[in-house]
Amino acid sequence: MSSFTNRARPRLPRGQRTAVSMPASITTMSAYQFPELIDISKTGAKLKGLRLPPKGATALLKTGPLEVLCKVMWVEGELCGIRFDEAVSPVILGRVERQGAVELQSPYEPATV
């Protein structure tokens, strides 16, 4: 019997997500992919793309001022969710949110020109 135990890293609480739209790159041991970052929080993000890493893959996400190690938690069609290994600093998170800000508009409000 081994004296080593399988210790899971503590999970970071899920942060409030902010909708964004900006190009990103995600690098795994076997591929480089270039999805769109569509939302972000201090603990994770959602990506959209035709080719995404598989669930469970460890990767490096780069977008704007952000470069962070992450794990792919789920993949559904053209979407995937990632969890960051460490929480993103408020300064970097704010920069990403400003760079990728999108104005969310209610479907019941007329578009402004």
Protein backbone atom coordinates (compact mmCIF):
# COMPACT_ATOMS: atom_id res chain seq x y z
CA MET A 1 0.00 0.00 0.00
CA SER A 2 1.35 3.42 -0.94
CA SER A 3 1.82 6.12 1.67
CA PHE A 4 1.03 8.77 -0.94
CA THR A 5 -2.49 10.14 -1.13
CA ASN A 6 -4.26 11.58 -4.12
CA ARG A 7 -4.84 15.18 -3.08
CA ALA A 8 -7.07 17.29 -5.23
CA ARG A 9 -6.19 20.95 -5.55
CA PRO A 10 -8.74 23.21 -3.90
CA ARG A 11 -11.26 24.58 -6.39
CA LEU A 12 -11.48 28.32 -6.79
CA PRO A 13 -15.01 29.68 -6.40
CA ARG A 14 -16.54 30.56 -9.75
CA GLY A 15 -16.28 34.28 -10.38
CA GLN A 16 -18.78 36.58 -12.05
CA ARG A 17 -18.51 36.21 -15.83
CA THR A 18 -18.16 39.16 -18.20
CA ALA A 19 -19.10 38.83 -21.88
CA VAL A 20 -16.21 39.69 -24.21
CA SER A 21 -15.26 39.10 -27.81
CA MET A 22 -11.59 38.82 -28.66
CA PRO A 23 -9.21 36.47 -30.44
CA ALA A 24 -7.26 34.02 -28.31
CA SER A 25 -4.79 31.20 -28.67
CA ILE A 26 -4.82 28.01 -26.65
CA THR A 27 -1.81 25.72 -26.73
CA THR A 28 -1.72 22.10 -25.59
CA MET A 29 1.07 19.55 -25.84
CA SER A 30 -0.28 18.46 -29.23
CA ALA A 31 -1.88 21.51 -30.89
CA TYR A 32 -2.25 25.24 -31.28
CA GLN A 33 -5.81 26.48 -31.65
CA PHE A 34 -7.21 29.97 -32.19
CA PRO A 35 -10.71 30.29 -30.70
CA GLU A 36 -12.64 33.40 -29.73
CA LEU A 37 -12.80 34.30 -26.04
CA ILE A 38 -16.51 34.93 -25.36
CA ASP A 39 -16.63 35.33 -21.59
CA ILE A 40 -14.20 35.55 -18.70
CA SER A 41 -14.06 35.64 -14.91
CA LYS A 42 -11.16 35.64 -12.47
CA THR A 43 -11.26 31.81 -12.37
CA GLY A 44 -12.15 30.72 -15.90
CA ALA A 45 -13.46 31.49 -19.35
CA LYS A 46 -15.57 30.25 -22.24
CA LEU A 47 -14.12 29.83 -25.74
CA LYS A 48 -15.78 29.38 -29.12
CA GLY A 49 -14.13 27.77 -32.12
CA LEU A 50 -14.29 25.06 -34.74
CA ARG A 51 -11.34 23.18 -33.25
CA LEU A 52 -11.00 23.04 -29.48
CA PRO A 53 -8.85 21.00 -27.11
CA PRO A 54 -10.49 17.95 -25.53
CA LYS A 55 -12.00 17.86 -22.06
CA GLY A 56 -9.30 17.37 -19.44
CA ALA A 57 -6.50 18.90 -21.52
CA THR A 58 -4.01 21.16 -19.78
CA ALA A 59 -3.28 24.25 -21.86
CA LEU A 60 -1.84 27.74 -22.04
CA LEU A 61 -4.36 30.48 -22.91
CA LYS A 62 -3.14 33.77 -24.39
CA THR A 63 -5.32 36.74 -25.23
CA GLY A 64 -4.54 40.44 -25.00
CA PRO A 65 -2.60 41.00 -21.76
CA LEU A 66 -3.55 37.58 -20.34
CA GLU A 67 -1.33 34.49 -20.37
CA VAL A 68 -2.52 31.74 -18.02
CA LEU A 69 -2.31 27.99 -17.52
CA CYS A 70 -5.70 26.30 -17.57
CA LYS A 71 -7.62 23.05 -17.82
CA VAL A 72 -10.47 22.32 -20.24
CA MET A 73 -13.45 21.41 -18.07
CA TRP A 74 -16.09 20.77 -20.74
CA VAL A 75 -16.56 20.81 -24.51
CA GLU A 76 -19.94 21.04 -26.30
CA GLY A 77 -19.88 21.56 -30.06
CA GLU A 78 -18.08 24.83 -30.80
CA LEU A 79 -17.88 25.87 -27.12
CA CYS A 80 -15.61 24.91 -24.25
CA GLY A 81 -15.15 26.01 -20.66
CA ILE A 82 -11.75 26.38 -19.07
CA ARG A 83 -10.67 26.78 -15.45
CA PHE A 84 -7.54 28.79 -14.70
CA ASP A 85 -4.87 27.21 -12.50
CA GLU A 86 -4.67 30.46 -10.51
CA ALA A 87 -7.10 33.36 -10.22
CA VAL A 88 -6.38 36.22 -12.63
CA SER A 89 -5.36 39.48 -10.98
CA PRO A 90 -8.03 42.20 -10.97
CA VAL A 91 -5.73 44.49 -13.01
CA ILE A 92 -5.25 41.97 -15.84
CA LEU A 93 -8.91 40.91 -15.72
CA GLY A 94 -9.98 44.55 -16.07
CA ARG A 95 -7.70 45.01 -19.08
CA VAL A 96 -9.13 41.94 -20.81
CA GLU A 97 -12.69 43.03 -20.04
CA ARG A 98 -12.06 46.49 -21.50
CA GLN A 99 -10.30 45.14 -24.61
CA GLY A 100 -12.98 42.58 -25.31
CA ALA A 101 -16.00 44.51 -24.09
CA VAL A 102 -19.20 43.91 -25.98
CA GLU A 103 -22.39 45.78 -25.40
CA LEU A 104 -25.13 43.34 -24.58
CA GLN A 105 -28.45 44.49 -25.93
CA SER A 106 -31.87 43.16 -25.05
CA PRO A 107 -33.53 41.41 -28.02
CA TYR A 108 -36.61 43.58 -27.34
CA GLU A 109 -34.81 46.90 -27.71
CA PRO A 110 -34.35 48.40 -31.17
CA ALA A 111 -30.77 48.66 -32.41
CA THR A 112 -29.23 52.10 -32.21
CA VAL A 113 -27.48 53.49 -35.26
